[in-house]
C-alpha atoms as a PDB file:
ATOM      1  CA  UNK A   1     -70.585 216.335 232.738  1.00  0.00           C
ATOM      2  CA  UNK A   2     -69.576 214.916 236.191  1.00  0.00           C
ATOM      3  CA  UNK A   3     -68.293 216.182 239.481  1.00  0.00           C
ATOM      4  CA  UNK A   4     -65.584 215.130 241.832  1.00  0.00           C
ATOM      5  CA  UNK A   5     -64.638 216.434 245.237  1.00  0.00           C
ATOM      6  CA  UNK A   6     -61.286 215.567 246.820  1.00  0.00           C
ATOM      7  CA  UNK A   7     -57.850 216.969 247.030  1.00  0.00           C
ATOM      8  CA  UNK A   8     -55.618 216.894 243.853  1.00  0.00           C
ATOM      9  CA  UNK A   9     -52.796 218.936 245.397  1.00  0.00           C
ATOM     10  CA  UNK A  10     -50.237 216.465 244.384  1.00  0.00           C
ATOM     11  CA  UNK A  11     -49.482 216.410 240.654  1.00  0.00           C
ATOM     12  CA  UNK A  12     -49.633 212.546 240.551  1.00  0.00           C
ATOM     13  CA  UNK A  13     -53.229 212.742 241.769  1.00  0.00           C
ATOM     14  CA  UNK A  14     -54.123 215.325 239.245  1.00  0.00           C
ATOM     15  CA  UNK A  15     -52.735 213.299 236.419  1.00  0.00           C
ATOM     16  CA  UNK A  16     -54.569 210.197 237.657  1.00  0.00           C
ATOM     17  CA  UNK A  17     -57.849 212.126 237.669  1.00  0.00           C
ATOM     18  CA  UNK A  18     -57.107 213.471 234.185  1.00  0.00           C
ATOM     19  CA  UNK A  19     -56.493 209.912 232.877  1.00  0.00           C
ATOM     20  CA  UNK A  20     -59.835 208.827 234.219  1.00  0.00           C
ATOM     21  CA  UNK A  21     -61.603 211.791 232.529  1.00  0.00           C
ATOM     22  CA  UNK A  22     -60.177 211.057 229.284  1.00  0.00           C
ATOM     23  CA  UNK A  23     -60.765 207.335 229.402  1.00  0.00           C
ATOM     24  CA  UNK A  24     -64.441 207.938 230.489  1.00  0.00           C
ATOM     25  CA  UNK A  25     -65.011 210.542 227.898  1.00  0.00           C
ATOM     26  CA  UNK A  26     -66.081 213.296 230.392  1.00  0.00           C
ATOM     27  CA  UNK A  27     -66.052 216.670 228.715  1.00  0.00           C
ATOM     28  CA  UNK A  28     -66.595 218.876 231.836  1.00  0.00           C
ATOM     29  CA  UNK A  29     -65.531 217.887 235.303  1.00  0.00           C
ATOM     30  CA  UNK A  30     -66.282 220.035 238.345  1.00  0.00           C
ATOM     31  CA  UNK A  31     -63.721 219.661 240.984  1.00  0.00           C
ATOM     32  CA  UNK A  32     -64.131 220.743 244.529  1.00  0.00           C
ATOM     33  CA  UNK A  33     -61.733 220.994 247.582  1.00  0.00           C
ATOM     34  CA  UNK A  34     -58.661 220.635 245.287  1.00  0.00           C
ATOM     35  CA  UNK A  35     -56.566 222.361 247.811  1.00  0.00           C
ATOM     36  CA  UNK A  36     -54.278 224.103 245.393  1.00  0.00           C
ATOM     37  CA  UNK A  37     -53.272 227.522 246.568  1.00  0.00           C
ATOM     38  CA  UNK A  38     -52.549 230.292 244.099  1.00  0.00           C
ATOM     39  CA  UNK A  39     -53.838 233.494 245.773  1.00  0.00           C
ATOM     40  CA  UNK A  40     -51.552 235.529 243.530  1.00  0.00           C
ATOM     41  CA  UNK A  41     -53.596 234.414 240.557  1.00  0.00           C
ATOM     42  CA  UNK A  42     -57.410 234.742 240.669  1.00  0.00           C
ATOM     43  CA  UNK A  43     -57.838 231.941 237.953  1.00  0.00           C
ATOM     44  CA  UNK A  44     -55.151 229.492 236.912  1.00  0.00           C
ATOM     45  CA  UNK A  45     -55.084 227.346 233.821  1.00  0.00           C
ATOM     46  CA  UNK A  46     -53.034 224.309 234.110  1.00  0.00           C
ATOM     47  CA  UNK A  47     -52.541 221.640 231.235  1.00  0.00           C
ATOM     48  CA  UNK A  48     -52.805 218.012 232.511  1.00  0.00           C
ATOM     49  CA  UNK A  49     -52.364 215.474 229.670  1.00  0.00           C
ATOM     50  CA  UNK A  50     -54.991 216.124 227.196  1.00  0.00           C
ATOM     51  CA  UNK A  51     -57.199 218.126 229.600  1.00  0.00           C
ATOM     52  CA  UNK A  52     -57.164 221.616 231.000  1.00  0.00           C
ATOM     53  CA  UNK A  53     -57.538 222.234 234.779  1.00  0.00           C
ATOM     54  CA  UNK A  54     -59.016 225.626 235.529  1.00  0.00           C
ATOM     55  CA  UNK A  55     -59.031 226.670 239.168  1.00  0.00           C
ATOM     56  CA  UNK A  56     -59.838 229.419 241.541  1.00  0.00           C
ATOM     57  CA  UNK A  57     -57.488 229.349 244.628  1.00  0.00           C
ATOM     58  CA  UNK A  58     -57.945 227.307 247.725  1.00  0.00           C
ATOM     59  CA  UNK A  59     -57.358 229.247 251.018  1.00  0.00           C
ATOM     60  CA  UNK A  60     -55.570 228.479 254.247  1.00  0.00           C
ATOM     61  CA  UNK A  61     -57.276 227.772 257.585  1.00  0.00           C
ATOM     62  CA  UNK A  62     -56.220 228.990 260.957  1.00  0.00           C
ATOM     63  CA  UNK A  63     -53.728 226.152 261.144  1.00  0.00           C
ATOM     64  CA  UNK A  64     -52.337 227.276 257.668  1.00  0.00           C
ATOM     65  CA  UNK A  65     -53.481 224.175 255.980  1.00  0.00           C
ATOM     66  CA  UNK A  66     -54.885 224.417 252.454  1.00  0.00           C
ATOM     67  CA  UNK A  67     -58.563 224.066 252.353  1.00  0.00           C
ATOM     68  CA  UNK A  68     -61.298 224.344 249.714  1.00  0.00           C
ATOM     69  CA  UNK A  69     -60.721 225.368 246.189  1.00  0.00           C
ATOM     70  CA  UNK A  70     -63.035 224.844 243.215  1.00  0.00           C
ATOM     71  CA  UNK A  71     -62.270 224.401 239.467  1.00  0.00           C
ATOM     72  CA  UNK A  72     -63.109 222.604 236.368  1.00  0.00           C
ATOM     73  CA  UNK A  73     -61.254 219.967 234.451  1.00  0.00           C
ATOM     74  CA  UNK A  74     -62.303 220.171 230.760  1.00  0.00           C
ATOM     75  CA  UNK A  75     -61.686 218.277 227.536  1.00  0.00           C
ATOM     76  CA  UNK A  76     -59.984 219.914 224.469  1.00  0.00           C
ATOM     77  CA  UNK A  77     -63.266 220.282 222.807  1.00  0.00           C
ATOM     78  CA  UNK A  78     -64.871 221.957 226.005  1.00  0.00           C
ATOM     79  CA  UNK A  79     -61.673 224.144 226.281  1.00  0.00           C
ATOM     80  CA  UNK A  80     -62.259 225.484 222.741  1.00  0.00           C
ATOM     81  CA  UNK A  81     -65.901 226.243 223.513  1.00  0.00           C
ATOM     82  CA  UNK A  82     -65.014 228.096 226.811  1.00  0.00           C
ATOM     83  CA  UNK A  83     -65.912 231.758 226.622  1.00  0.00           C
ATOM     84  CA  UNK A  84     -65.864 232.990 230.154  1.00  0.00           C
ATOM     85  CA  UNK A  85     -64.503 232.161 233.588  1.00  0.00           C
ATOM     86  CA  UNK A  86     -65.396 234.184 236.649  1.00  0.00           C
ATOM     87  CA  UNK A  87     -64.599 233.592 240.275  1.00  0.00           C
ATOM     88  CA  UNK A  88     -67.726 234.743 242.012  1.00  0.00           C
ATOM     89  CA  UNK A  89     -66.522 233.780 245.482  1.00  0.00           C
ATOM     90  CA  UNK A  90     -63.745 231.445 246.833  1.00  0.00           C
ATOM     91  CA  UNK A  91     -66.552 228.797 246.848  1.00  0.00           C
ATOM     92  CA  UNK A  92     -68.325 229.602 243.493  1.00  0.00           C
ATOM     93  CA  UNK A  93     -66.678 229.447 240.040  1.00  0.00           C
ATOM     94  CA  UNK A  94     -68.828 230.388 236.994  1.00  0.00           C
ATOM     95  CA  UNK A  95     -68.094 229.478 233.324  1.00  0.00           C
ATOM     96  CA  UNK A  96     -69.820 229.843 230.189  1.00  0.00           C
ATOM     97  CA  UNK A  97     -69.408 227.515 227.062  1.00  0.00           C
ATOM     98  CA  UNK A  98     -70.358 228.281 223.454  1.00  0.00           C
ATOM     99  CA  UNK A  99     -73.456 226.551 222.267  1.00  0.00           C
ATOM    100  CA  UNK A 100     -77.194 226.877 221.364  1.00  0.00           C
ATOM    101  CA  UNK A 101     -77.997 227.648 224.056  1.00  0.00           C
ATOM    102  CA  UNK A 102     -75.021 228.834 225.913  1.00  0.00           C
ATOM    103  CA  UNK A 103     -74.127 226.421 228.783  1.00  0.00           C
ATOM    104  CA  UNK A 104     -73.454 228.140 232.118  1.00  0.00           C
ATOM    105  CA  UNK A 105     -71.507 225.624 234.531  1.00  0.00           C
ATOM    106  CA  UNK A 106     -70.694 226.386 238.097  1.00  0.00           C
ATOM    107  CA  UNK A 107     -68.426 224.442 240.314  1.00  0.00           C
ATOM    108  CA  UNK A 108     -69.323 225.055 243.928  1.00  0.00           C
ATOM    109  CA  UNK A 109     -68.154 224.016 247.406  1.00  0.00           C
ATOM    110  CA  UNK A 110     -70.595 224.403 250.501  1.00  0.00           C
ATOM    111  CA  UNK A 111     -69.489 224.657 254.019  1.00  0.00           C
ATOM    112  CA  UNK A 112     -69.956 221.343 255.929  1.00  0.00           C
ATOM    113  CA  UNK A 113     -73.127 220.259 257.808  1.00  0.00           C
ATOM    114  CA  UNK A 114     -71.311 221.151 261.065  1.00  0.00           C
ATOM    115  CA  UNK A 115     -70.323 224.763 259.859  1.00  0.00           C
ATOM    116  CA  UNK A 116     -71.865 227.731 261.522  1.00  0.00           C
ATOM    117  CA  UNK A 117     -75.344 228.530 260.260  1.00  0.00           C
ATOM    118  CA  UNK A 118     -74.245 231.959 258.920  1.00  0.00           C
ATOM    119  CA  UNK A 119     -71.513 230.455 256.803  1.00  0.00           C
ATOM    120  CA  UNK A 120     -73.996 228.096 255.055  1.00  0.00           C
ATOM    121  CA  UNK A 121     -76.596 230.976 254.633  1.00  0.00           C
ATOM    122  CA  UNK A 122     -73.766 233.136 253.206  1.00  0.00           C
ATOM    123  CA  UNK A 123     -72.962 230.409 250.649  1.00  0.00           C
ATOM    124  CA  UNK A 124     -76.430 229.949 249.557  1.00  0.00           C
ATOM    125  CA  UNK A 125     -77.137 233.794 249.473  1.00  0.00           C
ATOM    126  CA  UNK A 126     -73.909 233.981 247.101  1.00  0.00           C
ATOM    127  CA  UNK A 127     -75.174 230.991 245.062  1.00  0.00           C
ATOM    128  CA  UNK A 128     -78.578 232.629 244.598  1.00  0.00           C
ATOM    129  CA  UNK A 129     -76.892 235.829 243.375  1.00  0.00           C
ATOM    130  CA  UNK A 130     -74.713 233.847 240.903  1.00  0.00           C
ATOM    131  CA  UNK A 131     -77.845 232.086 239.539  1.00  0.00           C
ATOM    132  CA  UNK A 132     -79.775 235.211 239.306  1.00  0.00           C
ATOM    133  CA  UNK A 133     -77.068 236.677 236.892  1.00  0.00           C
ATOM    134  CA  UNK A 134     -77.373 233.661 234.537  1.00  0.00           C
ATOM    135  CA  UNK A 135     -79.312 234.686 231.404  1.00  0.00           C
ATOM    136  CA  UNK A 136     -82.734 232.968 231.271  1.00  0.00           C
ATOM    137  CA  UNK A 137     -81.925 231.379 227.881  1.00  0.00           C
ATOM    138  CA  UNK A 138     -78.715 229.593 229.111  1.00  0.00           C
ATOM    139  CA  UNK A 139     -78.639 225.969 229.958  1.00  0.00           C
ATOM    140  CA  UNK A 140     -77.435 226.083 233.661  1.00  0.00           C
ATOM    141  CA  UNK A 141     -75.702 223.285 235.308  1.00  0.00           C
ATOM    142  CA  UNK A 142     -74.150 223.426 238.932  1.00  0.00           C
ATOM    143  CA  UNK A 143     -71.561 220.880 239.753  1.00  0.00           C
ATOM    144  CA  UNK A 144     -71.087 220.759 243.501  1.00  0.00           C
ATOM    145  CA  UNK A 145     -69.950 219.413 246.806  1.00  0.00           C
ATOM    146  CA  UNK A 146     -72.858 220.479 248.858  1.00  0.00           C
ATOM    147  CA  UNK A 147     -72.011 218.601 251.907  1.00  0.00           C
ATOM    148  CA  UNK A 148     -75.772 217.822 251.996  1.00  0.00           C
ATOM    149  CA  UNK A 149     -77.844 214.727 252.406  1.00  0.00           C
ATOM    150  CA  UNK A 150     -81.211 214.552 250.479  1.00  0.00           C
ATOM    151  CA  UNK A 151     -83.846 212.129 251.534  1.00  0.00           C
ATOM    152  CA  UNK A 152     -86.709 210.680 249.355  1.00  0.00           C
ATOM    153  CA  UNK A 153     -88.899 213.600 250.371  1.00  0.00           C
ATOM    154  CA  UNK A 154     -86.696 215.924 248.370  1.00  0.00           C
ATOM    155  CA  UNK A 155     -85.308 213.773 245.507  1.00  0.00           C
ATOM    156  CA  UNK A 156     -86.422 210.504 243.732  1.00  0.00           C
ATOM    157  CA  UNK A 157     -83.389 208.156 244.153  1.00  0.00           C
ATOM    158  CA  UNK A 158     -81.295 208.982 247.058  1.00  0.00           C
ATOM    159  CA  UNK A 159     -78.872 207.039 249.191  1.00  0.00           C
ATOM    160  CA  UNK A 160     -80.206 208.441 252.389  1.00  0.00           C
ATOM    161  CA  UNK A 161     -83.726 208.075 254.163  1.00  0.00           C
ATOM    162  CA  UNK A 162     -83.608 211.609 255.510  1.00  0.00           C
ATOM    163  CA  UNK A 163     -82.577 215.044 254.709  1.00  0.00           C
ATOM    164  CA  UNK A 164     -80.054 216.775 257.063  1.00  0.00           C
ATOM    165  CA  UNK A 165     -79.641 220.446 257.816  1.00  0.00           C
ATOM    166  CA  UNK A 166     -77.524 221.253 254.789  1.00  0.00           C
ATOM    167  CA  UNK A 167     -79.955 219.196 252.664  1.00  0.00           C
ATOM    168  CA  UNK A 168     -82.780 221.628 253.759  1.00  0.00           C
ATOM    169  CA  UNK A 169     -80.950 224.511 252.407  1.00  0.00           C
ATOM    170  CA  UNK A 170     -80.180 222.512 249.136  1.00  0.00           C
ATOM    171  CA  UNK A 171     -83.877 221.448 248.899  1.00  0.00           C
ATOM    172  CA  UNK A 172     -85.123 224.991 249.174  1.00  0.00           C
ATOM    173  CA  UNK A 173     -82.616 226.107 246.398  1.00  0.00           C
ATOM    174  CA  UNK A 174     -83.914 223.342 244.146  1.00  0.00           C
ATOM    175  CA  UNK A 175     -87.561 224.485 244.671  1.00  0.00           C
ATOM    176  CA  UNK A 176     -86.942 228.290 244.490  1.00  0.00           C
ATOM    177  CA  UNK A 177     -85.073 227.920 241.082  1.00  0.00           C
ATOM    178  CA  UNK A 178     -86.874 224.978 239.667  1.00  0.00           C
ATOM    179  CA  UNK A 179     -83.626 222.856 239.633  1.00  0.00           C
ATOM    180  CA  UNK A 180     -83.291 219.108 239.528  1.00  0.00           C
ATOM    181  CA  UNK A 181     -80.771 217.200 241.513  1.00  0.00           C
ATOM    182  CA  UNK A 182     -79.838 215.300 238.332  1.00  0.00           C
ATOM    183  CA  UNK A 183     -77.763 212.507 239.610  1.00  0.00           C
ATOM    184  CA  UNK A 184     -80.778 211.403 241.966  1.00  0.00           C
ATOM    185  CA  UNK A 185     -83.100 211.121 238.848  1.00  0.00           C
ATOM    186  CA  UNK A 186     -81.923 207.698 237.801  1.00  0.00           C
ATOM    187  CA  UNK A 187     -82.638 204.355 239.388  1.00  0.00           C
ATOM    188  CA  UNK A 188     -79.021 203.199 240.250  1.00  0.00           C
ATOM    189  CA  UNK A 189     -78.028 200.551 242.625  1.00  0.00           C
ATOM    190  CA  UNK A 190     -77.211 201.814 246.171  1.00  0.00           C
ATOM    191  CA  UNK A 191     -73.532 201.311 245.702  1.00  0.00           C
ATOM    192  CA  UNK A 192     -73.502 203.789 242.853  1.00  0.00           C
ATOM    193  CA  UNK A 193     -75.262 206.502 244.789  1.00  0.00           C
ATOM    194  CA  UNK A 194     -72.682 207.399 247.577  1.00  0.00           C
ATOM    195  CA  UNK A 195     -69.957 210.118 246.766  1.00  0.00           C
ATOM    196  CA  UNK A 196     -67.946 210.148 250.042  1.00  0.00           C
ATOM    197  CA  UNK A 197     -66.169 207.673 252.276  1.00  0.00           C
ATOM    198  CA  UNK A 198     -65.199 208.740 255.757  1.00  0.00           C
ATOM    199  CA  UNK A 199     -61.743 207.716 256.606  1.00  0.00           C
ATOM    200  CA  UNK A 200     -62.535 207.238 260.220  1.00  0.00           C
ATOM    201  CA  UNK A 201     -65.946 205.557 260.183  1.00  0.00           C
ATOM    202  CA  UNK A 202     -66.199 204.038 256.782  1.00  0.00           C
ATOM    203  CA  UNK A 203     -69.499 205.680 256.354  1.00  0.00           C
ATOM    204  CA  UNK A 204     -70.501 206.278 252.703  1.00  0.00           C
ATOM    205  CA  UNK A 205     -72.780 209.324 252.370  1.00  0.00           C
ATOM    206  CA  UNK A 206     -74.072 210.989 249.263  1.00  0.00           C
ATOM    207  CA  UNK A 207     -72.922 214.692 249.482  1.00  0.00           C
ATOM    208  CA  UNK A 208     -72.292 215.731 245.884  1.00  0.00           C
ATOM    209  CA  UNK A 209     -74.871 216.758 243.317  1.00  0.00           C
ATOM    210  CA  UNK A 210     -75.223 217.974 239.841  1.00  0.00           C
ATOM    211  CA  UNK A 211     -78.096 220.620 239.602  1.00  0.00           C
ATOM    212  CA  UNK A 212     -79.930 221.353 236.295  1.00  0.00           C
ATOM    213  CA  UNK A 213     -83.118 222.867 235.022  1.00  0.00           C
ATOM    214  CA  UNK A 214     -84.284 220.591 232.181  1.00  0.00           C
ATOM    215  CA  UNK A 215     -84.783 216.809 232.684  1.00  0.00           C
ATOM    216  CA  UNK A 216     -84.524 216.082 228.872  1.00  0.00           C
ATOM    217  CA  UNK A 217     -81.265 218.010 228.424  1.00  0.00           C
ATOM    218  CA  UNK A 218     -79.896 216.453 231.556  1.00  0.00           C
ATOM    219  CA  UNK A 219     -80.056 212.945 230.071  1.00  0.00           C
ATOM    220  CA  UNK A 220     -77.807 214.081 227.071  1.00  0.00           C
ATOM    221  CA  UNK A 221     -75.246 215.980 229.276  1.00  0.00           C
ATOM    222  CA  UNK A 222     -74.530 213.748 232.084  1.00  0.00           C
ATOM    223  CA  UNK A 223     -72.073 211.189 231.991  1.00  0.00           C
ATOM    224  CA  UNK A 224     -73.532 207.723 231.993  1.00  0.00           C
ATOM    225  CA  UNK A 225     -77.044 209.045 232.904  1.00  0.00           C
ATOM    226  CA  UNK A 226     -75.818 210.074 236.323  1.00  0.00           C
ATOM    227  CA  UNK A 227     -73.948 206.992 237.341  1.00  0.00           C
ATOM    228  CA  UNK A 228     -70.932 207.224 239.581  1.00  0.00           C
ATOM    229  CA  UNK A 229     -67.444 206.938 238.513  1.00  0.00           C
ATOM    230  CA  UNK A 230     -66.699 204.756 241.644  1.00  0.00           C
ATOM    231  CA  UNK A 231     -64.290 202.571 239.949  1.00  0.00           C
ATOM    232  CA  UNK A 232     -61.587 205.274 239.997  1.00  0.00           C
ATOM    233  CA  UNK A 233     -59.226 204.366 242.742  1.00  0.00           C
ATOM    234  CA  UNK A 234     -58.425 208.028 243.483  1.00  0.00           C
ATOM    235  CA  UNK A 235     -58.041 207.842 247.269  1.00  0.00           C
ATOM    236  CA  UNK A 236     -60.418 206.797 249.932  1.00  0.00           C
ATOM    237  CA  UNK A 237     -62.460 210.028 250.260  1.00  0.00           C
ATOM    238  CA  UNK A 238     -64.645 210.744 247.324  1.00  0.00           C
ATOM    239  CA  UNK A 239     -65.795 209.075 244.026  1.00  0.00           C
ATOM    240  CA  UNK A 240     -66.516 211.153 240.888  1.00  0.00           C
ATOM    241  CA  UNK A 241     -70.114 211.468 240.359  1.00  0.00           C
ATOM    242  CA  UNK A 242     -71.698 212.138 237.147  1.00  0.00           C
END
């Protein structure tokens, strides 16, 4: 599994991402901020090469620009195992895949660190509710753009030295639900830890995380033991993280 947060509104960009997923052997890719609007259909299934792209709709901001949107890009094998897709909120998509145990995968997109506190708290309250409804025997994975920075006081191998405001909410969620920020469990070189490149400043923060409950299972489910797919030249904003 892996996660990727960036617009794939244009078909060419979506096809490029699908090619990378197929080449790297990723079975399930969480996609956030895809910016594809389809409000007339709560869930949209879209065939891209050998992959299936399953999305809930993005929305439009006050300037009518497409914003947000979450989904999953899945391999043919994962598509056959898919048993349930639910739009929990605009920012949270919940899916179940057949297996022993059943795997519940969420794709989530948090408000930014500059968003009003009430928006961030609402997102985490809704995410807690979604987690609460996952059966205890399921294997839970949350693939997310949390717009959060975690420091070494909250995760083992981070890109940042300090936890920011959104990171405090994320850290509290990890503790409350005994979750691991799985892509911080592996000792990777610093250039493989960032997940976002700011167009204006060139800064490279780590904002995207894969959350899971069991460290041993994590090692078998994450692509490349949590290494970044930073070699994908898919626009300057974000690199897939897995």
